[in-house]
């Protein structure tokens, strides 16, 4: 069985399906709702586990009462937790998400991991023992740097989920094998995608990809450029599709070429958009 370590954000997601997001001073009644553990690395870990692997999330969870919801959800998804701060009773970040029924687009309010940053001394010993692949989402950057450094020394592939630029990524990038970024990922002084590719390529990252939602994925791999098509699917909910994509990519890259792994991950992510919330798509698999 393949083992993956996912480093980053753990949140509690309150997800509502509604006709539209509320306007100022407006109250709306949701059509549906669900509660789940969230965060890019967390949802990627859930996807990786669902595809038949062993997944572990390395993040701050703690002992606040709301963590029972997170622990229960991740236990149900067979994702292990390596807690960077088990004694903290601070409330975890809560994300409130409204998904528009007609388009599948989402609006998100969250504080991310700003108040739950861990130090490198919190990393459990032997955390990389038997690990085959590492994904970093950038929300625990100090910890991520040490993990990336150790993974490189052990020849464990390192993937970054570049949803958006986060300060400190520049220290992690020298150890990255696969940079899989969104169109919103703009490092300092980068204004175009070509500048983003050039910036990442300067760190000698062998494989780089930029996703564009339902549009083709652009990639630079071993000096070769190209596009990978994304399946066109009627979207019920796009929430977490990027996270699902990254988790699926971690699964397929250990078996396939870079472009094939991107294509296979795109298939899984597109399928997840046909269902409300970040878990129900797995019931259809």
Protein backbone atom coordinates (compact mmCIF):
# COMPACT_ATOMS: atom_id res chain seq x y z
CA UNK A 1 0.00 0.00 0.00
CA UNK A 2 1.24 3.49 -0.89
CA UNK A 3 1.70 5.97 1.97
CA UNK A 4 1.22 9.70 1.54
CA UNK A 5 1.92 12.57 3.95
CA UNK A 6 -0.18 15.70 3.48
CA UNK A 7 1.12 18.82 5.22
CA UNK A 8 -0.99 21.88 5.85
CA UNK A 9 -4.39 23.22 6.74
CA UNK A 10 -7.08 21.47 8.78
CA UNK A 11 -10.40 23.31 9.06
CA UNK A 12 -14.01 22.61 9.85
CA UNK A 13 -16.08 23.32 6.73
CA UNK A 14 -19.72 24.37 7.00
CA UNK A 15 -21.04 24.04 3.46
CA UNK A 16 -24.40 25.38 2.29
CA UNK A 17 -26.16 24.93 -1.04
CA UNK A 18 -28.24 28.00 -1.90
CA UNK A 19 -29.83 29.75 -4.85
CA UNK A 20 -27.26 32.53 -4.47
CA UNK A 21 -24.90 34.07 -1.95
CA UNK A 22 -26.61 36.59 0.37
CA UNK A 23 -26.43 40.30 -0.26
CA UNK A 24 -25.83 42.84 2.49
CA UNK A 25 -28.41 42.55 5.29
CA UNK A 26 -30.10 39.63 3.54
CA UNK A 27 -31.00 36.32 5.17
CA UNK A 28 -31.34 33.25 2.98
CA UNK A 29 -32.49 29.69 3.57
CA UNK A 30 -30.15 26.98 2.32
CA UNK A 31 -31.39 24.13 0.11
CA UNK A 32 -28.91 21.67 1.62
CA UNK A 33 -25.89 21.67 3.92
CA UNK A 34 -23.08 19.44 5.09
CA UNK A 35 -20.21 19.55 7.58
CA UNK A 36 -16.76 18.09 6.92
CA UNK A 37 -13.09 18.46 7.71
CA UNK A 38 -11.52 20.76 5.16
CA UNK A 39 -8.40 22.47 3.93
CA UNK A 40 -6.42 21.77 0.75
CA UNK A 41 -4.06 19.18 2.22
CA UNK A 42 -6.88 17.57 4.22
CA UNK A 43 -9.21 17.12 1.24
CA UNK A 44 -6.29 15.87 -0.84
CA UNK A 45 -5.52 13.29 1.86
CA UNK A 46 -9.16 12.15 1.85
CA UNK A 47 -9.04 11.68 -1.93
CA UNK A 48 -5.71 9.82 -1.74
CA UNK A 49 -7.16 7.49 0.87
CA UNK A 50 -10.34 6.94 -1.16
CA UNK A 51 -8.23 5.81 -4.12
CA UNK A 52 -6.85 2.95 -2.03
CA UNK A 53 -3.80 4.45 -0.33
CA UNK A 54 -2.78 5.18 3.24
CA UNK A 55 -3.02 8.92 3.98
CA UNK A 56 -1.86 10.99 6.94
CA UNK A 57 -2.50 14.69 7.50
CA UNK A 58 0.16 16.69 9.35
CA UNK A 59 -1.49 19.82 10.75
CA UNK A 60 -2.83 21.52 13.84
CA UNK A 61 -5.96 19.87 15.27
CA UNK A 62 -5.79 20.21 19.06
CA UNK A 63 -8.41 19.45 21.70
CA UNK A 64 -11.17 22.03 21.22
CA UNK A 65 -14.63 20.37 21.31
CA UNK A 66 -15.21 21.04 17.60
CA UNK A 67 -12.26 18.83 16.72
CA UNK A 68 -14.44 15.79 17.43
CA UNK A 69 -16.30 16.57 14.21
CA UNK A 70 -13.02 16.71 12.32
CA UNK A 71 -11.63 13.56 13.92
CA UNK A 72 -14.85 11.67 13.23
CA UNK A 73 -14.94 12.69 9.58
CA UNK A 74 -11.28 11.84 8.96
CA UNK A 75 -11.60 8.52 10.78
CA UNK A 76 -14.55 7.71 8.53
CA UNK A 77 -12.37 8.58 5.53
CA UNK A 78 -9.51 6.46 6.93
CA UNK A 79 -7.13 9.42 7.13
CA UNK A 80 -4.68 9.38 10.05
CA UNK A 81 -3.88 12.59 11.93
CA UNK A 82 -0.40 13.67 13.02
CA UNK A 83 -1.24 16.60 15.30
CA UNK A 84 1.28 19.44 15.41
CA UNK A 85 -0.27 20.90 18.57
CA UNK A 86 -2.37 18.29 20.39
CA UNK A 87 -2.62 20.27 23.63
CA UNK A 88 -4.07 23.47 22.19
CA UNK A 89 -7.71 24.17 23.01
CA UNK A 90 -7.92 27.05 20.53
CA UNK A 91 -10.80 26.74 18.10
CA UNK A 92 -9.68 25.53 14.69
CA UNK A 93 -10.29 27.68 11.61
CA UNK A 94 -13.88 27.37 10.46
CA UNK A 95 -14.70 27.91 6.80
CA UNK A 96 -18.22 28.99 5.84
CA UNK A 97 -18.97 28.15 2.23
CA UNK A 98 -21.99 28.97 0.10
CA UNK A 99 -22.37 27.04 -3.15
CA UNK A 100 -24.64 28.59 -5.79
CA UNK A 101 -27.01 25.89 -7.02
CA UNK A 102 -27.29 27.02 -10.65
CA UNK A 103 -23.56 27.35 -11.36
CA UNK A 104 -21.71 25.28 -8.76
CA UNK A 105 -19.56 28.31 -7.93
CA UNK A 106 -18.63 28.87 -4.31
CA UNK A 107 -18.02 31.77 -1.96
CA UNK A 108 -15.73 31.08 1.02
CA UNK A 109 -15.01 32.91 4.28
CA UNK A 110 -12.09 31.59 6.34
CA UNK A 111 -9.07 32.73 8.33
CA UNK A 112 -6.99 29.73 7.18
CA UNK A 113 -4.06 28.81 9.42
CA UNK A 114 -3.05 32.34 10.38
CA UNK A 115 -3.69 31.73 14.10
CA UNK A 116 -2.62 28.08 14.20
CA UNK A 117 1.00 28.16 13.00
CA UNK A 118 3.25 25.40 14.36
CA UNK A 119 7.01 25.36 14.81
CA UNK A 120 9.42 22.82 13.36
CA UNK A 121 9.94 21.40 16.87
CA UNK A 122 6.35 20.11 16.70
CA UNK A 123 7.14 17.65 13.91
CA UNK A 124 6.71 14.08 15.21
CA UNK A 125 9.87 11.95 15.05
CA UNK A 126 10.06 9.48 12.16
CA UNK A 127 7.14 11.23 10.43
CA UNK A 128 8.56 10.27 7.03
CA UNK A 129 9.08 6.62 7.87
CA UNK A 130 7.53 4.49 5.11
CA UNK A 131 6.20 7.60 3.32
CA UNK A 132 6.16 7.36 -0.49
CA UNK A 133 4.98 10.86 -1.41
CA UNK A 134 4.55 14.26 0.27
CA UNK A 135 2.09 17.04 -0.55
CA UNK A 136 2.48 20.56 0.88
CA UNK A 137 -0.30 23.18 0.64
CA UNK A 138 1.73 26.06 2.12
CA UNK A 139 -0.44 26.72 5.18
CA UNK A 140 2.18 25.42 7.64
CA UNK A 141 5.26 26.85 5.95
CA UNK A 142 7.83 26.48 8.76
CA UNK A 143 6.93 22.82 9.19
CA UNK A 144 6.71 22.36 5.42
CA UNK A 145 10.26 23.57 4.91
CA UNK A 146 11.66 20.94 7.27
CA UNK A 147 9.48 18.20 5.79
CA UNK A 148 10.53 19.12 2.23
CA UNK A 149 14.20 19.16 3.26
CA UNK A 150 13.93 15.75 4.90
CA UNK A 151 11.92 14.30 2.03
CA UNK A 152 14.52 15.44 -0.49
CA UNK A 153 17.24 13.73 1.53
CA UNK A 154 15.22 10.51 1.41
CA UNK A 155 14.36 10.84 -2.30
CA UNK A 156 10.64 11.09 -1.48
CA UNK A 157 8.77 13.05 -4.19
CA UNK A 158 7.46 16.43 -3.00
CA UNK A 159 4.39 18.06 -4.53
CA UNK A 160 3.13 21.56 -3.80
CA UNK A 161 -0.49 22.55 -4.06
CA UNK A 162 -0.02 26.11 -5.29
CA UNK A 163 -3.53 27.42 -4.78
CA UNK A 164 -2.18 30.90 -4.13
CA UNK A 165 1.24 32.33 -3.34
CA UNK A 166 2.19 32.21 0.34
CA UNK A 167 5.23 33.82 1.88
CA UNK A 168 7.87 31.18 2.50
CA UNK A 169 7.12 29.10 -0.60
CA UNK A 170 10.41 30.36 -2.03
CA UNK A 171 12.27 28.38 0.66
CA UNK A 172 10.34 25.17 -0.08
CA UNK A 173 10.55 25.31 -3.88
CA UNK A 174 14.19 24.10 -4.19
CA UNK A 175 13.05 20.71 -2.84
CA UNK A 176 9.93 20.34 -5.00
CA UNK A 177 9.54 17.72 -7.72
CA UNK A 178 6.04 18.65 -8.88
CA UNK A 179 4.55 22.15 -8.69
CA UNK A 180 0.83 21.86 -9.44
CA UNK A 181 -0.63 25.35 -9.22
CA UNK A 182 -3.85 27.18 -9.91
CA UNK A 183 -4.26 30.18 -12.20
CA UNK A 184 -4.35 32.30 -9.02
CA UNK A 185 -0.77 31.36 -8.07
CA UNK A 186 1.40 34.44 -8.64
CA UNK A 187 4.82 34.61 -6.99
CA UNK A 188 6.30 38.07 -6.34
CA UNK A 189 6.73 40.20 -9.48
CA UNK A 190 4.95 37.64 -11.66
CA UNK A 191 2.07 39.05 -13.68
CA UNK A 192 1.63 36.45 -16.42
CA UNK A 193 1.56 32.68 -16.48
CA UNK A 194 4.74 32.60 -18.54
CA UNK A 195 6.46 34.55 -15.78
CA UNK A 196 5.12 32.02 -13.25
CA UNK A 197 6.53 29.14 -15.29
CA UNK A 198 9.86 30.96 -15.57
CA UNK A 199 9.93 31.68 -11.83
CA UNK A 200 9.28 28.05 -10.89
CA UNK A 201 11.63 26.73 -13.56
CA UNK A 202 14.42 28.84 -12.07
CA UNK A 203 14.21 26.62 -8.98
CA UNK A 204 14.89 23.64 -11.26
CA UNK A 205 11.50 22.07 -10.53
CA UNK A 206 11.29 19.23 -13.08
CA UNK A 207 7.51 19.24 -13.55
CA UNK A 208 5.20 22.27 -13.40
CA UNK A 209 1.49 22.53 -14.18
CA UNK A 210 -1.06 25.33 -13.95
CA UNK A 211 -4.75 24.45 -13.82
CA UNK A 212 -7.56 26.66 -15.15
CA UNK A 213 -10.76 25.13 -13.80
CA UNK A 214 -12.61 23.49 -16.65
CA UNK A 215 -10.09 24.77 -19.23
CA UNK A 216 -6.98 22.80 -20.30
CA UNK A 217 -4.05 22.39 -17.90
CA UNK A 218 -0.81 23.97 -19.13
CA UNK A 219 2.41 22.21 -18.21
CA UNK A 220 6.20 22.39 -18.44
CA UNK A 221 7.83 18.99 -17.95
CA UNK A 222 11.52 18.26 -18.61
CA UNK A 223 11.66 21.31 -20.93
CA UNK A 224 8.57 20.19 -22.86
CA UNK A 225 5.43 22.33 -22.86
CA UNK A 226 1.86 21.41 -23.66
CA UNK A 227 -1.75 21.18 -22.58
CA UNK A 228 -3.88 18.48 -20.98
CA UNK A 229 -7.62 18.59 -21.64
CA UNK A 230 -10.10 18.61 -18.75
CA UNK A 231 -13.42 16.71 -19.01
CA UNK A 232 -16.47 18.94 -19.42
CA UNK A 233 -18.93 18.14 -16.64
CA UNK A 234 -22.13 19.92 -15.55
CA UNK A 235 -20.97 21.35 -12.22
CA UNK A 236 -23.17 21.03 -9.14
CA UNK A 237 -20.39 22.12 -6.78
CA UNK A 238 -16.79 23.12 -7.58
CA UNK A 239 -15.80 23.33 -3.89
CA UNK A 240 -12.71 21.24 -3.21
CA UNK A 241 -12.25 20.22 -6.85
CA UNK A 242 -8.67 21.50 -6.79
CA UNK A 243 -7.99 19.59 -3.57
CA UNK A 244 -9.45 16.41 -5.07
CA UNK A 245 -7.27 17.01 -8.14
CA UNK A 246 -4.13 17.19 -6.00
CA UNK A 247 -5.00 14.10 -3.98
CA UNK A 248 -5.71 12.14 -7.15
CA UNK A 249 -2.50 13.44 -8.73
CA UNK A 250 -0.53 12.11 -5.76
CA UNK A 251 -2.10 8.71 -6.41
CA UNK A 252 -1.52 8.58 -10.16
CA UNK A 253 1.96 10.14 -10.33
CA UNK A 254 3.39 7.07 -8.61
CA UNK A 255 2.07 4.93 -11.47
CA UNK A 256 1.84 7.14 -14.56
CA UNK A 257 3.76 9.76 -16.54
CA UNK A 258 3.33 13.41 -15.53
CA UNK A 259 0.83 14.20 -18.28
CA UNK A 260 -1.13 10.98 -17.75
CA UNK A 261 -1.30 11.68 -14.00
CA UNK A 262 -2.64 15.19 -14.73
CA UNK A 263 -5.27 13.76 -17.08
CA UNK A 264 -6.36 11.03 -14.66
CA UNK A 265 -6.53 13.52 -11.78
CA UNK A 266 -8.61 15.87 -13.93
CA UNK A 267 -11.10 13.04 -14.55
CA UNK A 268 -11.51 12.45 -10.81
CA UNK A 269 -11.81 16.17 -10.02
CA UNK A 270 -14.38 16.72 -12.78
CA UNK A 271 -16.45 13.82 -11.46
CA UNK A 272 -16.39 15.31 -7.94
CA UNK A 273 -18.01 18.49 -9.28
CA UNK A 274 -21.19 16.54 -10.07
CA UNK A 275 -21.99 16.26 -6.35
CA UNK A 276 -22.68 18.72 -3.55
CA UNK A 277 -20.06 18.96 -0.82
CA UNK A 278 -16.60 17.43 -0.61
CA UNK A 279 -17.52 13.84 0.28
CA UNK A 280 -20.61 12.68 -1.63
CA UNK A 281 -18.74 12.14 -4.89
CA UNK A 282 -16.91 9.25 -3.25
CA UNK A 283 -20.15 7.34 -2.77
CA UNK A 284 -20.56 7.14 -6.56
CA UNK A 285 -17.13 5.62 -7.18
